[in-house]
Amino acid sequence: TVGVSLIRRHFSESAELHLIAISPEARGLGIGRALIEKITADLADDGCVHLSVHTVGPSFDNDAYAQTRSFYRAIGFYPLEEHSNMDWSGPTLILVRPITPAT
């Protein structure tokens, strides 16, 4: 196993990417992108129209999380809101990716 992801389905129209992890030696090979594409295809088949993810917000200066945010932006997520004291004591950024429902 080189990657794993977990999804939380909050409503029929929306889901949250709760976790995505790729082993360090497999990063940069497209595995994360492939996981997200499979997830969004499956969610689209089930009528979902939004996928969200929480990560550390940009107001917290950290190179690793800057790379994480860059990854999410590159695969179609858009920043929605940044909150303090939401998932931890610092800033949490919520990003959303629209999903085109299957026809």
PDB file of N, CA and C in Angstrom:
ATOM      1  N   THR A   1       0.849  -1.179   0.000  1.00  0.00           N
ATOM      2  CA  THR A   1       0.000   0.000   0.000  1.00  0.00           C
ATOM      3  C   THR A   1       0.888   1.233   0.000  1.00  0.00           C
ATOM      4  N   VAL A   2       0.623   2.142  -0.945  1.00  0.00           N
ATOM      5  CA  VAL A   2       1.408   3.378  -1.014  1.00  0.00           C
ATOM      6  C   VAL A   2       0.559   4.607  -0.737  1.00  0.00           C
ATOM      7  N   GLY A   3      -0.762   4.433  -0.673  1.00  0.00           N
ATOM      8  CA  GLY A   3      -1.638   5.566  -0.402  1.00  0.00           C
ATOM      9  C   GLY A   3      -2.953   5.101   0.181  1.00  0.00           C
ATOM     10  N   VAL A   4      -3.571   6.013   0.928  1.00  0.00           N
ATOM     11  CA  VAL A   4      -4.862   5.721   1.538  1.00  0.00           C
ATOM     12  C   VAL A   4      -5.659   7.017   1.622  1.00  0.00           C
ATOM     13  N   SER A   5      -6.971   6.892   1.558  1.00  0.00           N
ATOM     14  CA  SER A   5      -7.843   8.057   1.751  1.00  0.00           C
ATOM     15  C   SER A   5      -9.102   7.617   2.471  1.00  0.00           C
ATOM     16  N   LEU A   6      -9.665   8.554   3.227  1.00  0.00           N
ATOM     17  CA  LEU A   6     -10.921   8.320   3.937  1.00  0.00           C
ATOM     18  C   LEU A   6     -11.873   9.462   3.618  1.00  0.00           C
ATOM     19  N   ILE A   7     -13.117   9.124   3.378  1.00  0.00           N
ATOM     20  CA  ILE A   7     -14.156  10.094   3.043  1.00  0.00           C
ATOM     21  C   ILE A   7     -15.249  10.030   4.109  1.00  0.00           C
ATOM     22  N   ARG A   8     -15.737  11.196   4.495  1.00  0.00           N
ATOM     23  CA  ARG A   8     -16.925  11.288   5.364  1.00  0.00           C
ATOM     24  C   ARG A   8     -18.046  11.862   4.515  1.00  0.00           C
ATOM     25  N   ARG A   9     -19.143  11.181   4.469  1.00  0.00           N
ATOM     26  CA  ARG A   9     -20.296  11.657   3.712  1.00  0.00           C
ATOM     27  C   ARG A   9     -21.242  12.329   4.697  1.00  0.00           C
ATOM     28  N   HIS A  10     -21.308  13.661   4.656  1.00  0.00           N
ATOM     29  CA  HIS A  10     -22.137  14.409   5.592  1.00  0.00           C
ATOM     30  C   HIS A  10     -23.588  14.503   5.119  1.00  0.00           C
ATOM     31  N   PHE A  11     -23.769  14.741   3.837  1.00  0.00           N
ATOM     32  CA  PHE A  11     -25.089  14.854   3.225  1.00  0.00           C
ATOM     33  C   PHE A  11     -25.030  14.171   1.869  1.00  0.00           C
ATOM     34  N   SER A  12     -26.157  13.936   1.244  1.00  0.00           N
ATOM     35  CA  SER A  12     -26.133  13.285  -0.064  1.00  0.00           C
ATOM     36  C   SER A  12     -25.426  14.140  -1.107  1.00  0.00           C
ATOM     37  N   GLU A  13     -25.440  15.458  -0.923  1.00  0.00           N
ATOM     38  CA  GLU A  13     -24.838  16.371  -1.896  1.00  0.00           C
ATOM     39  C   GLU A  13     -23.373  16.685  -1.612  1.00  0.00           C
ATOM     40  N   SER A  14     -22.867  16.303  -0.449  1.00  0.00           N
ATOM     41  CA  SER A  14     -21.503  16.711  -0.098  1.00  0.00           C
ATOM     42  C   SER A  14     -20.775  15.633   0.699  1.00  0.00           C
ATOM     43  N   ALA A  15     -19.446  15.682   0.539  1.00  0.00           N
ATOM     44  CA  ALA A  15     -18.583  14.752   1.267  1.00  0.00           C
ATOM     45  C   ALA A  15     -17.325  15.511   1.683  1.00  0.00           C
ATOM     46  N   GLU A  16     -16.616  14.949   2.638  1.00  0.00           N
ATOM     47  CA  GLU A  16     -15.370  15.548   3.113  1.00  0.00           C
ATOM     48  C   GLU A  16     -14.241  14.545   2.954  1.00  0.00           C
ATOM     49  N   LEU A  17     -13.139  15.003   2.376  1.00  0.00           N
ATOM     50  CA  LEU A  17     -11.925  14.211   2.357  1.00  0.00           C
ATOM     51  C   LEU A  17     -11.325  14.325   3.755  1.00  0.00           C
ATOM     52  N   HIS A  18     -11.520  13.298   4.542  1.00  0.00           N
ATOM     53  CA  HIS A  18     -11.096  13.330   5.943  1.00  0.00           C
ATOM     54  C   HIS A  18      -9.601  13.059   6.080  1.00  0.00           C
ATOM     55  N   LEU A  19      -9.056  12.234   5.189  1.00  0.00           N
ATOM     56  CA  LEU A  19      -7.650  11.870   5.266  1.00  0.00           C
ATOM     57  C   LEU A  19      -7.165  11.454   3.893  1.00  0.00           C
ATOM     58  N   ILE A  20      -5.983  11.888   3.541  1.00  0.00           N
ATOM     59  CA  ILE A  20      -5.254  11.337   2.398  1.00  0.00           C
ATOM     60  C   ILE A  20      -3.799  11.276   2.822  1.00  0.00           C
ATOM     61  N   ALA A  21      -3.182  10.138   2.595  1.00  0.00           N
ATOM     62  CA  ALA A  21      -1.783   9.957   2.965  1.00  0.00           C
ATOM     63  C   ALA A  21      -1.101   9.114   1.895  1.00  0.00           C
ATOM     64  N   ILE A  22       0.051   9.596   1.458  1.00  0.00           N
ATOM     65  CA  ILE A  22       0.856   8.890   0.477  1.00  0.00           C
ATOM     66  C   ILE A  22       2.225   8.662   1.109  1.00  0.00           C
ATOM     67  N   SER A  23       2.758   7.457   0.979  1.00  0.00           N
ATOM     68  CA  SER A  23       4.071   7.194   1.558  1.00  0.00           C
ATOM     69  C   SER A  23       5.106   8.130   0.926  1.00  0.00           C
ATOM     70  N   PRO A  24       6.051   8.599   1.717  1.00  0.00           N
ATOM     71  CA  PRO A  24       7.023   9.585   1.226  1.00  0.00           C
ATOM     72  C   PRO A  24       7.740   9.164  -0.060  1.00  0.00           C
ATOM     73  N   GLU A  25       8.084   7.894  -0.179  1.00  0.00           N
ATOM     74  CA  GLU A  25       8.811   7.456  -1.370  1.00  0.00           C
ATOM     75  C   GLU A  25       7.925   7.395  -2.618  1.00  0.00           C
ATOM     76  N   ALA A  26       6.618   7.476  -2.450  1.00  0.00           N
ATOM     77  CA  ALA A  26       5.696   7.417  -3.588  1.00  0.00           C
ATOM     78  C   ALA A  26       5.104   8.784  -3.944  1.00  0.00           C
ATOM     79  N   ARG A  27       5.485   9.821  -3.229  1.00  0.00           N
ATOM     80  CA  ARG A  27       4.941  11.155  -3.511  1.00  0.00           C
ATOM     81  C   ARG A  27       5.489  11.679  -4.840  1.00  0.00           C
ATOM     82  N   GLY A  28       4.641  12.443  -5.519  1.00  0.00           N
ATOM     83  CA  GLY A  28       5.038  13.017  -6.802  1.00  0.00           C
ATOM     84  C   GLY A  28       4.833  12.087  -7.981  1.00  0.00           C
ATOM     85  N   LEU A  29       4.241  10.930  -7.749  1.00  0.00           N
ATOM     86  CA  LEU A  29       4.014   9.953  -8.819  1.00  0.00           C
ATOM     87  C   LEU A  29       2.582   9.957  -9.337  1.00  0.00           C
ATOM     88  N   GLY A  30       1.747  10.858  -8.813  1.00  0.00           N
ATOM     89  CA  GLY A  30       0.360  10.939  -9.272  1.00  0.00           C
ATOM     90  C   GLY A  30      -0.621  10.083  -8.494  1.00  0.00           C
ATOM     91  N   ILE A  31      -0.163   9.468  -7.420  1.00  0.00           N
ATOM     92  CA  ILE A  31      -1.031   8.585  -6.636  1.00  0.00           C
ATOM     93  C   ILE A  31      -2.123   9.373  -5.924  1.00  0.00           C
ATOM     94  N   GLY A  32      -1.766  10.504  -5.315  1.00  0.00           N
ATOM     95  CA  GLY A  32      -2.771  11.338  -4.649  1.00  0.00           C
ATOM     96  C   GLY A  32      -3.823  11.827  -5.636  1.00  0.00           C
ATOM     97  N   ARG A  33      -3.378  12.294  -6.784  1.00  0.00           N
ATOM     98  CA  ARG A  33      -4.299  12.750  -7.829  1.00  0.00           C
ATOM     99  C   ARG A  33      -5.221  11.604  -8.261  1.00  0.00           C
ATOM    100  N   ALA A  34      -4.648  10.416  -8.458  1.00  0.00           N
ATOM    101  CA  ALA A  34      -5.452   9.259  -8.876  1.00  0.00           C
ATOM    102  C   ALA A  34      -6.494   8.895  -7.814  1.00  0.00           C
ATOM    103  N   LEU A  35      -6.101   8.953  -6.543  1.00  0.00           N
ATOM    104  CA  LEU A  35      -7.071   8.683  -5.472  1.00  0.00           C
ATOM    105  C   LEU A  35      -8.223   9.682  -5.509  1.00  0.00           C
ATOM    106  N   ILE A  36      -7.892  10.962  -5.636  1.00  0.00           N
ATOM    107  CA  ILE A  36      -8.937  11.990  -5.658  1.00  0.00           C
ATOM    108  C   ILE A  36      -9.839  11.829  -6.878  1.00  0.00           C
ATOM    109  N   GLU A  37      -9.272  11.522  -8.027  1.00  0.00           N
ATOM    110  CA  GLU A  37     -10.081  11.338  -9.234  1.00  0.00           C
ATOM    111  C   GLU A  37     -11.034  10.150  -9.079  1.00  0.00           C
ATOM    112  N   LYS A  38     -10.562   9.067  -8.494  1.00  0.00           N
ATOM    113  CA  LYS A  38     -11.427   7.898  -8.248  1.00  0.00           C
ATOM    114  C   LYS A  38     -12.518   8.242  -7.248  1.00  0.00           C
ATOM    115  N   ILE A  39     -12.147   8.936  -6.192  1.00  0.00           N
ATOM    116  CA  ILE A  39     -13.125   9.343  -5.186  1.00  0.00           C
ATOM    117  C   ILE A  39     -14.210  10.218  -5.806  1.00  0.00           C
ATOM    118  N   THR A  40     -13.800  11.231  -6.572  1.00  0.00           N
ATOM    119  CA  THR A  40     -14.798  12.143  -7.144  1.00  0.00           C
ATOM    120  C   THR A  40     -15.669  11.435  -8.170  1.00  0.00           C
ATOM    121  N   ALA A  41     -15.112  10.493  -8.919  1.00  0.00           N
ATOM    122  CA  ALA A  41     -15.929   9.729  -9.877  1.00  0.00           C
ATOM    123  C   ALA A  41     -16.980   8.905  -9.139  1.00  0.00           C
ATOM    124  N   ASP A  42     -16.569   8.243  -8.061  1.00  0.00           N
ATOM    125  CA  ASP A  42     -17.521   7.449  -7.276  1.00  0.00           C
ATOM    126  C   ASP A  42     -18.582   8.335  -6.629  1.00  0.00           C
ATOM    127  N   LEU A  43     -18.164   9.481  -6.094  1.00  0.00           N
ATOM    128  CA  LEU A  43     -19.125  10.398  -5.485  1.00  0.00           C
ATOM    129  C   LEU A  43     -20.098  10.950  -6.530  1.00  0.00           C
ATOM    130  N   ALA A  44     -19.594  11.272  -7.715  1.00  0.00           N
ATOM    131  CA  ALA A  44     -20.459  11.767  -8.796  1.00  0.00           C
ATOM    132  C   ALA A  44     -21.502  10.728  -9.161  1.00  0.00           C
ATOM    133  N   ASP A  45     -21.099   9.464  -9.234  1.00  0.00           N
ATOM    134  CA  ASP A  45     -22.048   8.384  -9.542  1.00  0.00           C
ATOM    135  C   ASP A  45     -23.142   8.283  -8.494  1.00  0.00           C
ATOM    136  N   ASP A  46     -22.853   8.755  -7.283  1.00  0.00           N
ATOM    137  CA  ASP A  46     -23.819   8.692  -6.187  1.00  0.00           C
ATOM    138  C   ASP A  46     -24.532  10.031  -5.958  1.00  0.00           C
ATOM    139  N   GLY A  47     -24.369  10.979  -6.888  1.00  0.00           N
ATOM    140  CA  GLY A  47     -25.105  12.244  -6.812  1.00  0.00           C
ATOM    141  C   GLY A  47     -24.466  13.348  -5.992  1.00  0.00           C
ATOM    142  N   CYS A  48     -23.261  13.136  -5.525  1.00  0.00           N
ATOM    143  CA  CYS A  48     -22.575  14.157  -4.731  1.00  0.00           C
ATOM    144  C   CYS A  48     -22.094  15.285  -5.644  1.00  0.00           C
ATOM    145  N   VAL A  49     -22.161  16.534  -5.165  1.00  0.00           N
ATOM    146  CA  VAL A  49     -21.756  17.674  -5.986  1.00  0.00           C
ATOM    147  C   VAL A  49     -20.621  18.510  -5.383  1.00  0.00           C
ATOM    148  N   HIS A  50     -20.220  18.243  -4.136  1.00  0.00           N
ATOM    149  CA  HIS A  50     -19.118  18.980  -3.506  1.00  0.00           C
ATOM    150  C   HIS A  50     -18.268  18.037  -2.668  1.00  0.00           C
ATOM    151  N   LEU A  51     -16.954  18.209  -2.787  1.00  0.00           N
ATOM    152  CA  LEU A  51     -16.012  17.515  -1.921  1.00  0.00           C
ATOM    153  C   LEU A  51     -15.201  18.581  -1.197  1.00  0.00           C
ATOM    154  N   SER A  52     -15.156  18.510   0.111  1.00  0.00           N
ATOM    155  CA  SER A  52     -14.394  19.491   0.889  1.00  0.00           C
ATOM    156  C   SER A  52     -13.219  18.812   1.575  1.00  0.00           C
ATOM    157  N   VAL A  53     -12.270  19.638   1.996  1.00  0.00           N
ATOM    158  CA  VAL A  53     -11.130  19.147   2.761  1.00  0.00           C
ATOM    159  C   VAL A  53     -10.701  20.258   3.710  1.00  0.00           C
ATOM    160  N   HIS A  54     -10.231  19.879   4.889  1.00  0.00           N
ATOM    161  CA  HIS A  54      -9.686  20.826   5.866  1.00  0.00           C
ATOM    162  C   HIS A  54      -8.181  20.618   5.918  1.00  0.00           C
ATOM    163  N   THR A  55      -7.441  21.701   5.986  1.00  0.00           N
ATOM    164  CA  THR A  55      -5.998  21.636   6.188  1.00  0.00           C
ATOM    165  C   THR A  55      -5.564  22.875   6.964  1.00  0.00           C
ATOM    166  N   VAL A  56      -4.314  22.928   7.295  1.00  0.00           N
ATOM    167  CA  VAL A  56      -3.797  24.081   8.031  1.00  0.00           C
ATOM    168  C   VAL A  56      -3.818  25.299   7.110  1.00  0.00           C
ATOM    169  N   GLY A  57      -4.335  26.400   7.633  1.00  0.00           N
ATOM    170  CA  GLY A  57      -4.506  27.619   6.852  1.00  0.00           C
ATOM    171  C   GLY A  57      -3.210  28.350   6.557  1.00  0.00           C
ATOM    172  N   PRO A  58      -3.235  29.207   5.530  1.00  0.00           N
ATOM    173  CA  PRO A  58      -2.031  29.918   5.105  1.00  0.00           C
ATOM    174  C   PRO A  58      -1.525  30.953   6.106  1.00  0.00           C
ATOM    175  N   SER A  59      -2.343  31.351   7.060  1.00  0.00           N
ATOM    176  CA  SER A  59      -1.853  32.307   8.049  1.00  0.00           C
ATOM    177  C   SER A  59      -0.897  31.653   9.054  1.00  0.00           C
ATOM    178  N   PHE A  60      -0.759  30.323   8.997  1.00  0.00           N
ATOM    179  CA  PHE A  60       0.227  29.575   9.783  1.00  0.00           C
ATOM    180  C   PHE A  60       1.373  29.249   8.834  1.00  0.00           C
ATOM    181  N   ASP A  61       2.505  29.892   9.017  1.00  0.00           N
ATOM    182  CA  ASP A  61       3.640  29.764   8.109  1.00  0.00           C
ATOM    183  C   ASP A  61       4.328  28.414   8.295  1.00  0.00           C
ATOM    184  N   ASN A  62       4.127  27.516   7.309  1.00  0.00           N
ATOM    185  CA  ASN A  62       4.698  26.179   7.389  1.00  0.00           C
ATOM    186  C   ASN A  62       4.866  25.645   5.969  1.00  0.00           C
ATOM    187  N   ASP A  63       6.090  25.302   5.593  1.00  0.00           N
ATOM    188  CA  ASP A  63       6.362  24.856   4.218  1.00  0.00           C
ATOM    189  C   ASP A  63       5.622  23.578   3.845  1.00  0.00           C
ATOM    190  N   ALA A  64       5.556  22.625   4.753  1.00  0.00           N
ATOM    191  CA  ALA A  64       4.879  21.360   4.442  1.00  0.00           C
ATOM    192  C   ALA A  64       3.401  21.593   4.141  1.00  0.00           C
ATOM    193  N   TYR A  65       2.736  22.433   4.945  1.00  0.00           N
ATOM    194  CA  TYR A  65       1.319  22.700   4.688  1.00  0.00           C
ATOM    195  C   TYR A  65       1.121  23.600   3.479  1.00  0.00           C
ATOM    196  N   ALA A  66       2.091  24.424   3.163  1.00  0.00           N
ATOM    197  CA  ALA A  66       2.023  25.198   1.915  1.00  0.00           C
ATOM    198  C   ALA A  66       2.038  24.244   0.726  1.00  0.00           C
ATOM    199  N   GLN A  67       2.837  23.192   0.795  1.00  0.00           N
ATOM    200  CA  GLN A  67       2.860  22.176  -0.259  1.00  0.00           C
ATOM    201  C   GLN A  67       1.532  21.430  -0.325  1.00  0.00           C
ATOM    202  N   THR A  68       0.957  21.132   0.834  1.00  0.00           N
ATOM    203  CA  THR A  68      -0.346  20.458   0.869  1.00  0.00           C
ATOM    204  C   THR A  68      -1.412  21.318   0.202  1.00  0.00           C
ATOM    205  N   ARG A  69      -1.445  22.601   0.551  1.00  0.00           N
ATOM    206  CA  ARG A  69      -2.430  23.503  -0.072  1.00  0.00           C
ATOM    207  C   ARG A  69      -2.203  23.605  -1.577  1.00  0.00           C
ATOM    208  N   SER A  70      -0.964  23.628  -1.996  1.00  0.00           N
ATOM    209  CA  SER A  70      -0.636  23.681  -3.414  1.00  0.00           C
ATOM    210  C   SER A  70      -1.130  22.424  -4.134  1.00  0.00           C
ATOM    211  N   PHE A  71      -0.978  21.279  -3.514  1.00  0.00           N
ATOM    212  CA  PHE A  71      -1.489  20.028  -4.080  1.00  0.00           C
ATOM    213  C   PHE A  71      -3.002  20.113  -4.273  1.00  0.00           C
ATOM    214  N   TYR A  72      -3.712  20.533  -3.227  1.00  0.00           N
ATOM    215  CA  TYR A  72      -5.174  20.623  -3.336  1.00  0.00           C
ATOM    216  C   TYR A  72      -5.604  21.589  -4.437  1.00  0.00           C
ATOM    217  N   ARG A  73      -4.932  22.728  -4.528  1.00  0.00           N
ATOM    218  CA  ARG A  73      -5.257  23.700  -5.588  1.00  0.00           C
ATOM    219  C   ARG A  73      -5.016  23.092  -6.966  1.00  0.00           C
ATOM    220  N   ALA A  74      -3.938  22.334  -7.115  1.00  0.00           N
ATOM    221  CA  ALA A  74      -3.583  21.737  -8.406  1.00  0.00           C
ATOM    222  C   ALA A  74      -4.582  20.683  -8.867  1.00  0.00           C
ATOM    223  N   ILE A  75      -5.321  20.101  -7.919  1.00  0.00           N
ATOM    224  CA  ILE A  75      -6.283  19.064  -8.307  1.00  0.00           C
ATOM    225  C   ILE A  75      -7.724  19.562  -8.238  1.00  0.00           C
ATOM    226  N   GLY A  76      -7.896  20.887  -8.234  1.00  0.00           N
ATOM    227  CA  GLY A  76      -9.241  21.434  -8.418  1.00  0.00           C
ATOM    228  C   GLY A  76      -9.973  21.913  -7.193  1.00  0.00           C
ATOM    229  N   PHE A  77      -9.302  21.980  -6.040  1.00  0.00           N
ATOM    230  CA  PHE A  77      -9.940  22.513  -4.840  1.00  0.00           C
ATOM    231  C   PHE A  77      -9.761  24.025  -4.791  1.00  0.00           C
ATOM    232  N   TYR A  78     -10.769  24.725  -4.297  1.00  0.00           N
ATOM    233  CA  TYR A  78     -10.740  26.174  -4.149  1.00  0.00           C
ATOM    234  C   TYR A  78     -10.910  26.534  -2.681  1.00  0.00           C
ATOM    235  N   PRO A  79     -10.135  27.512  -2.191  1.00  0.00           N
ATOM    236  CA  PRO A  79     -10.284  27.909  -0.787  1.00  0.00           C
ATOM    237  C   PRO A  79     -11.654  28.538  -0.548  1.00  0.00           C
ATOM    238  N   LEU A  80     -12.264  28.177   0.554  1.00  0.00           N
ATOM    239  CA  LEU A  80     -13.583  28.697   0.907  1.00  0.00           C
ATOM    240  C   LEU A  80     -13.498  29.617   2.115  1.00  0.00           C
ATOM    241  N   GLU A  81     -12.937  29.107   3.206  1.00  0.00           N
ATOM    242  CA  GLU A  81     -12.872  29.886   4.453  1.00  0.00           C
ATOM    243  C   GLU A  81     -11.685  29.434   5.287  1.00  0.00           C
ATOM    244  N   GLU A  82     -11.176  30.357   6.090  1.00  0.00           N
ATOM    245  CA  GLU A  82     -10.173  30.016   7.096  1.00  0.00           C
ATOM    246  C   GLU A  82     -10.765  30.360   8.459  1.00  0.00           C
ATOM    247  N   HIS A  83     -10.681  29.426   9.394  1.00  0.00           N
ATOM    248  CA  HIS A  83     -11.204  29.612  10.753  1.00  0.00           C
ATOM    249  C   HIS A  83     -10.117  29.313  11.769  1.00  0.00           C
ATOM    250  N   SER A  84     -10.169  29.972  12.894  1.00  0.00           N
ATOM    251  CA  SER A  84      -9.273  29.664  14.002  1.00  0.00           C
ATOM    252  C   SER A  84      -9.999  28.780  14.996  1.00  0.00           C
ATOM    253  N   ASN A  85      -9.245  27.945  15.678  1.00  0.00           N
ATOM    254  CA  ASN A  85      -9.784  27.076  16.738  1.00  0.00           C
ATOM    255  C   ASN A  85     -10.887  26.151  16.254  1.00  0.00           C
ATOM    256  N   MET A  86     -10.757  25.660  15.045  1.00  0.00           N
ATOM    257  CA  MET A  86     -11.789  24.758  14.508  1.00  0.00           C
ATOM    258  C   MET A  86     -11.373  23.298  14.701  1.00  0.00           C
ATOM    259  N   ASP A  87     -10.330  22.873  14.017  1.00  0.00           N
ATOM    260  CA  ASP A  87      -9.837  21.500  14.131  1.00  0.00           C
ATOM    261  C   ASP A  87      -8.655  21.408  15.090  1.00  0.00           C
ATOM    262  N   TRP A  88      -8.078  22.558  15.386  1.00  0.00           N
ATOM    263  CA  TRP A  88      -6.948  22.666  16.309  1.00  0.00           C
ATOM    264  C   TRP A  88      -6.872  24.113  16.765  1.00  0.00           C
ATOM    265  N   SER A  89      -5.881  24.492  17.548  1.00  0.00           N
ATOM    266  CA  SER A  89      -5.849  25.857  18.080  1.00  0.00           C
ATOM    267  C   SER A  89      -5.427  26.898  17.049  1.00  0.00           C
ATOM    268  N   GLY A  90      -4.861  26.473  15.916  1.00  0.00           N
ATOM    269  CA  GLY A  90      -4.447  27.402  14.864  1.00  0.00           C
ATOM    270  C   GLY A  90      -5.487  27.529  13.768  1.00  0.00           C
ATOM    271  N   PRO A  91      -5.076  28.054  12.595  1.00  0.00           N
ATOM    272  CA  PRO A  91      -6.016  28.282  11.501  1.00  0.00           C
ATOM    273  C   PRO A  91      -6.287  27.025  10.679  1.00  0.00           C
ATOM    274  N   THR A  92      -7.544  26.805  10.375  1.00  0.00           N
ATOM    275  CA  THR A  92      -7.976  25.715   9.506  1.00  0.00           C
ATOM    276  C   THR A  92      -8.545  26.319   8.233  1.00  0.00           C
ATOM    277  N   LEU A  93      -8.033  25.871   7.109  1.00  0.00           N
ATOM    278  CA  LEU A  93      -8.536  26.288   5.807  1.00  0.00           C
ATOM    279  C   LEU A  93      -9.471  25.221   5.272  1.00  0.00           C
ATOM    280  N   ILE A  94     -10.655  25.635   4.848  1.00  0.00           N
ATOM    281  CA  ILE A  94     -11.597  24.731   4.197  1.00  0.00           C
ATOM    282  C   ILE A  94     -11.509  24.991   2.698  1.00  0.00           C
ATOM    283  N   LEU A  95     -11.262  23.928   1.945  1.00  0.00           N
ATOM    284  CA  LEU A  95     -11.238  24.001   0.495  1.00  0.00           C
ATOM    285  C   LEU A  95     -12.369  23.140  -0.049  1.00  0.00           C
ATOM    286  N   VAL A  96     -12.895  23.500  -1.212  1.00  0.00           N
ATOM    287  CA  VAL A  96     -14.019  22.780  -1.807  1.00  0.00           C
ATOM    288  C   VAL A  96     -13.716  22.496  -3.268  1.00  0.00           C
ATOM    289  N   ARG A  97     -14.075  21.316  -3.692  1.00  0.00           N
ATOM    290  CA  ARG A  97     -13.956  20.955  -5.108  1.00  0.00           C
ATOM    291  C   ARG A  97     -15.351  20.607  -5.630  1.00  0.00           C
ATOM    292  N   PRO A  98     -15.777  21.303  -6.679  1.00  0.00           N
ATOM    293  CA  PRO A  98     -17.069  20.942  -7.277  1.00  0.00           C
ATOM    294  C   PRO A  98     -16.960  19.583  -7.990  1.00  0.00           C
ATOM    295  N   ILE A  99     -18.036  18.855  -7.961  1.00  0.00           N
ATOM    296  CA  ILE A  99     -18.115  17.560  -8.635  1.00  0.00           C
ATOM    297  C   ILE A  99     -19.270  17.620  -9.616  1.00  0.00           C
ATOM    298  N   THR A 100     -19.015  17.247 -10.837  1.00  0.00           N
ATOM    299  CA  THR A 100     -20.079  17.183 -11.837  1.00  0.00           C
ATOM    300  C   THR A 100     -20.786  15.846 -11.685  1.00  0.00           C
ATOM    301  N   PRO A 101     -22.088  15.881 -11.363  1.00  0.00           N
ATOM    302  CA  PRO A 101     -22.813  14.612 -11.178  1.00  0.00           C
ATOM    303  C   PRO A 101     -22.815  13.784 -12.450  1.00  0.00           C
ATOM    304  N   ALA A 102     -22.784  12.478 -12.280  1.00  0.00           N
ATOM    305  CA  ALA A 102     -22.877  11.575 -13.414  1.00  0.00           C
ATOM    306  C   ALA A 102     -24.238  11.709 -14.072  1.00  0.00           C
ATOM    307  N   THR A 103     -24.262  11.535 -15.359  1.00  0.00           N
ATOM    308  CA  THR A 103     -25.560  11.638 -16.081  1.00  0.00           C
ATOM    309  C   THR A 103     -26.120  10.291 -16.390  1.00  0.00           C
TER     310      THR A 103
END
